[in-house]
Amino acid sequence: MARNHSQDMAKIKFFSHQTPEGKSPTDRAIAAGYTCRKNYGSYYTHGIAENIYMSHLYRSIIYYNGVPAYNWMTQGEIANSTVAGWMSSPGHRKNILTATYDREGIGVAVSKERNEVYITKNFC
């Protein structure tokens, strides 16, 4: 689910929890055959939470005679940047730190055409 959403964002150039067709993370999970239900005794919840992140694959570009030279980020730098971005966003931070989320999936997709990386993390 997470990888599919990242691939869709990279392929059709959008960045949102909602697909262009209006499907939410929970809608996409159900369509994939995945159900997340949490029973808290007196009530239950149904649905998944989601964090998304998009970044360029490089720190900087220098042009020399019109030719770009990229200062590429390492995989570790991309991972650190992603987590730092999520932790500085109250809603994304809450998803990461919510103790009742005991299952997660992470998906990554790269747009080589635009030198961008898309990362989706689903929580249940």
C-alpha atoms as a PDB file:
ATOM      1  CA  MET A   1       0.000   0.000   0.000  1.00  0.00           C
ATOM      2  CA  ALA A   2       2.670   2.497   1.023  1.00  0.00           C
ATOM      3  CA  ARG A   3       4.912   1.720  -1.940  1.00  0.00           C
ATOM      4  CA  ASN A   4       1.964   1.885  -4.347  1.00  0.00           C
ATOM      5  CA  HIS A   5       1.032   5.347  -3.063  1.00  0.00           C
ATOM      6  CA  SER A   6       4.645   6.551  -3.349  1.00  0.00           C
ATOM      7  CA  GLN A   7       4.844   5.153  -6.890  1.00  0.00           C
ATOM      8  CA  ASP A   8       1.579   6.845  -7.859  1.00  0.00           C
ATOM      9  CA  MET A   9       2.761  10.208  -6.510  1.00  0.00           C
ATOM     10  CA  ALA A  10       6.076   9.901  -8.375  1.00  0.00           C
ATOM     11  CA  LYS A  11       4.458   8.748 -11.614  1.00  0.00           C
ATOM     12  CA  ILE A  12       1.574  11.189 -11.904  1.00  0.00           C
ATOM     13  CA  LYS A  13       3.221  14.135 -10.145  1.00  0.00           C
ATOM     14  CA  PHE A  14       1.066  14.786  -7.086  1.00  0.00           C
ATOM     15  CA  PHE A  15       1.836  14.993  -3.376  1.00  0.00           C
ATOM     16  CA  SER A  16      -1.136  14.374  -1.102  1.00  0.00           C
ATOM     17  CA  HIS A  17      -2.691  11.880   1.276  1.00  0.00           C
ATOM     18  CA  GLN A  18      -5.688  11.880  -1.096  1.00  0.00           C
ATOM     19  CA  THR A  19      -5.297  10.440  -4.585  1.00  0.00           C
ATOM     20  CA  PRO A  20      -6.400  12.597  -7.518  1.00  0.00           C
ATOM     21  CA  GLU A  21      -9.530  10.375  -7.558  1.00  0.00           C
ATOM     22  CA  GLY A  22     -10.243  11.353  -3.928  1.00  0.00           C
ATOM     23  CA  LYS A  23      -9.253   8.072  -2.240  1.00  0.00           C
ATOM     24  CA  SER A  24      -8.031   8.407   1.357  1.00  0.00           C
ATOM     25  CA  PRO A  25      -5.326   6.240   2.944  1.00  0.00           C
ATOM     26  CA  THR A  26      -8.057   4.062   4.484  1.00  0.00           C
ATOM     27  CA  ASP A  27      -9.862   3.795   1.126  1.00  0.00           C
ATOM     28  CA  ARG A  28      -6.616   2.611  -0.492  1.00  0.00           C
ATOM     29  CA  ALA A  29      -6.004   0.109   2.323  1.00  0.00           C
ATOM     30  CA  ILE A  30      -9.477  -1.395   1.971  1.00  0.00           C
ATOM     31  CA  ALA A  31      -9.054  -1.623  -1.818  1.00  0.00           C
ATOM     32  CA  ALA A  32      -5.794  -3.525  -1.208  1.00  0.00           C
ATOM     33  CA  GLY A  33      -7.612  -5.953   1.111  1.00  0.00           C
ATOM     34  CA  TYR A  34      -6.133  -4.546   4.330  1.00  0.00           C
ATOM     35  CA  THR A  35      -8.333  -3.659   7.298  1.00  0.00           C
ATOM     36  CA  CYS A  36      -7.093  -1.899  10.415  1.00  0.00           C
ATOM     37  CA  ARG A  37      -9.415  -2.080  13.394  1.00  0.00           C
ATOM     38  CA  LYS A  38      -8.386  -1.255  16.951  1.00  0.00           C
ATOM     39  CA  ASN A  39     -10.537  -2.345  19.896  1.00  0.00           C
ATOM     40  CA  TYR A  40     -10.214  -0.146  22.972  1.00  0.00           C
ATOM     41  CA  GLY A  41     -12.842  -1.883  25.100  1.00  0.00           C
ATOM     42  CA  SER A  42     -15.637   0.681  25.163  1.00  0.00           C
ATOM     43  CA  TYR A  43     -14.995   1.796  21.568  1.00  0.00           C
ATOM     44  CA  TYR A  44     -13.043   0.862  18.481  1.00  0.00           C
ATOM     45  CA  THR A  45     -11.420   2.698  15.598  1.00  0.00           C
ATOM     46  CA  HIS A  46     -11.250   1.742  11.958  1.00  0.00           C
ATOM     47  CA  GLY A  47      -8.735   3.048   9.427  1.00  0.00           C
ATOM     48  CA  ILE A  48      -5.065   3.756   8.952  1.00  0.00           C
ATOM     49  CA  ALA A  49      -2.887   6.795   9.561  1.00  0.00           C
ATOM     50  CA  GLU A  50      -0.326   7.967   7.038  1.00  0.00           C
ATOM     51  CA  ASN A  51       2.802  10.097   6.792  1.00  0.00           C
ATOM     52  CA  ILE A  52       4.128  11.227   3.404  1.00  0.00           C
ATOM     53  CA  TYR A  53       7.336  13.013   2.460  1.00  0.00           C
ATOM     54  CA  MET A  54       8.839  14.308  -0.778  1.00  0.00           C
ATOM     55  CA  SER A  55      12.333  15.651  -1.366  1.00  0.00           C
ATOM     56  CA  HIS A  56      14.877  16.112  -4.092  1.00  0.00           C
ATOM     57  CA  LEU A  57      17.634  13.506  -4.258  1.00  0.00           C
ATOM     58  CA  TYR A  58      20.304  16.205  -4.106  1.00  0.00           C
ATOM     59  CA  ARG A  59      21.449  18.893  -1.679  1.00  0.00           C
ATOM     60  CA  SER A  60      22.437  21.378  -4.367  1.00  0.00           C
ATOM     61  CA  ILE A  61      23.059  21.852  -8.093  1.00  0.00           C
ATOM     62  CA  ILE A  62      25.897  23.799  -9.637  1.00  0.00           C
ATOM     63  CA  TYR A  63      25.721  24.719 -13.312  1.00  0.00           C
ATOM     64  CA  TYR A  64      28.917  25.032 -15.310  1.00  0.00           C
ATOM     65  CA  ASN A  65      28.503  26.065 -18.942  1.00  0.00           C
ATOM     66  CA  GLY A  66      24.855  25.084 -18.677  1.00  0.00           C
ATOM     67  CA  VAL A  67      25.645  21.548 -17.472  1.00  0.00           C
ATOM     68  CA  PRO A  68      24.298  20.598 -14.030  1.00  0.00           C
ATOM     69  CA  ALA A  69      26.516  18.972 -11.405  1.00  0.00           C
ATOM     70  CA  TYR A  70      24.514  17.459  -8.551  1.00  0.00           C
ATOM     71  CA  ASN A  71      25.552  17.119  -4.923  1.00  0.00           C
ATOM     72  CA  TRP A  72      23.609  13.878  -4.316  1.00  0.00           C
ATOM     73  CA  MET A  73      22.304  12.880  -0.885  1.00  0.00           C
ATOM     74  CA  THR A  74      23.082   9.426   0.504  1.00  0.00           C
ATOM     75  CA  GLN A  75      20.294   7.006   1.432  1.00  0.00           C
ATOM     76  CA  GLY A  76      21.066   7.712   5.086  1.00  0.00           C
ATOM     77  CA  GLU A  77      20.759  11.463   4.540  1.00  0.00           C
ATOM     78  CA  ILE A  78      17.414  10.981   2.803  1.00  0.00           C
ATOM     79  CA  ALA A  79      16.185   8.800   5.689  1.00  0.00           C
ATOM     80  CA  ASN A  80      17.392  11.312   8.293  1.00  0.00           C
ATOM     81  CA  SER A  81      15.790  14.208   6.419  1.00  0.00           C
ATOM     82  CA  THR A  82      12.504  12.311   6.166  1.00  0.00           C
ATOM     83  CA  VAL A  83      12.328  11.459   9.864  1.00  0.00           C
ATOM     84  CA  ALA A  84      13.404  14.992  10.858  1.00  0.00           C
ATOM     85  CA  GLY A  85      10.646  16.419   8.658  1.00  0.00           C
ATOM     86  CA  TRP A  86       8.022  14.142  10.152  1.00  0.00           C
ATOM     87  CA  MET A  87       9.156  14.766  13.723  1.00  0.00           C
ATOM     88  CA  SER A  88       8.925  18.549  13.221  1.00  0.00           C
ATOM     89  CA  SER A  89       5.280  18.246  12.081  1.00  0.00           C
ATOM     90  CA  PRO A  90       2.859  17.779  15.025  1.00  0.00           C
ATOM     91  CA  GLY A  91       0.469  15.455  13.160  1.00  0.00           C
ATOM     92  CA  HIS A  92       3.208  13.305  11.654  1.00  0.00           C
ATOM     93  CA  ARG A  93       5.051  13.196  14.984  1.00  0.00           C
ATOM     94  CA  LYS A  94       1.861  12.015  16.706  1.00  0.00           C
ATOM     95  CA  ASN A  95       1.508   9.162  14.206  1.00  0.00           C
ATOM     96  CA  ILE A  96       5.078   8.017  14.894  1.00  0.00           C
ATOM     97  CA  LEU A  97       4.734   8.216  18.684  1.00  0.00           C
ATOM     98  CA  THR A  98       1.228   6.741  19.072  1.00  0.00           C
ATOM     99  CA  ALA A  99       1.788   3.589  21.120  1.00  0.00           C
ATOM    100  CA  THR A 100      -1.301   1.788  19.812  1.00  0.00           C
ATOM    101  CA  TYR A 101       0.040   1.796  16.254  1.00  0.00           C
ATOM    102  CA  ASP A 102       1.731  -1.596  16.323  1.00  0.00           C
ATOM    103  CA  ARG A 103       1.971  -2.239  12.571  1.00  0.00           C
ATOM    104  CA  GLU A 104       3.516  -0.099   9.869  1.00  0.00           C
ATOM    105  CA  GLY A 105       4.566  -0.219   6.263  1.00  0.00           C
ATOM    106  CA  ILE A 106       6.965   2.065   4.424  1.00  0.00           C
ATOM    107  CA  GLY A 107       7.185   2.536   0.673  1.00  0.00           C
ATOM    108  CA  VAL A 108       9.671   4.561  -1.359  1.00  0.00           C
ATOM    109  CA  ALA A 109       9.592   5.583  -5.012  1.00  0.00           C
ATOM    110  CA  VAL A 110      12.017   7.676  -7.044  1.00  0.00           C
ATOM    111  CA  SER A 111      11.234   9.904  -9.987  1.00  0.00           C
ATOM    112  CA  LYS A 112      14.486   9.831 -11.964  1.00  0.00           C
ATOM    113  CA  GLU A 113      12.988  12.306 -14.417  1.00  0.00           C
ATOM    114  CA  ARG A 114      12.639  14.966 -11.676  1.00  0.00           C
ATOM    115  CA  ASN A 115      15.287  13.659  -9.220  1.00  0.00           C
ATOM    116  CA  GLU A 116      12.665  13.376  -6.473  1.00  0.00           C
ATOM    117  CA  VAL A 117      11.975  10.759  -3.820  1.00  0.00           C
ATOM    118  CA  TYR A 118       8.501  10.049  -2.429  1.00  0.00           C
ATOM    119  CA  ILE A 119       8.101   8.240   0.892  1.00  0.00           C
ATOM    120  CA  THR A 120       4.864   6.938   2.414  1.00  0.00           C
ATOM    121  CA  LYS A 121       4.501   5.394   5.861  1.00  0.00           C
ATOM    122  CA  ASN A 122       1.219   3.722   6.866  1.00  0.00           C
ATOM    123  CA  PHE A 123       0.281   3.011  10.481  1.00  0.00           C
ATOM    124  CA  CYS A 124      -2.221   0.609  12.022  1.00  0.00           C
END
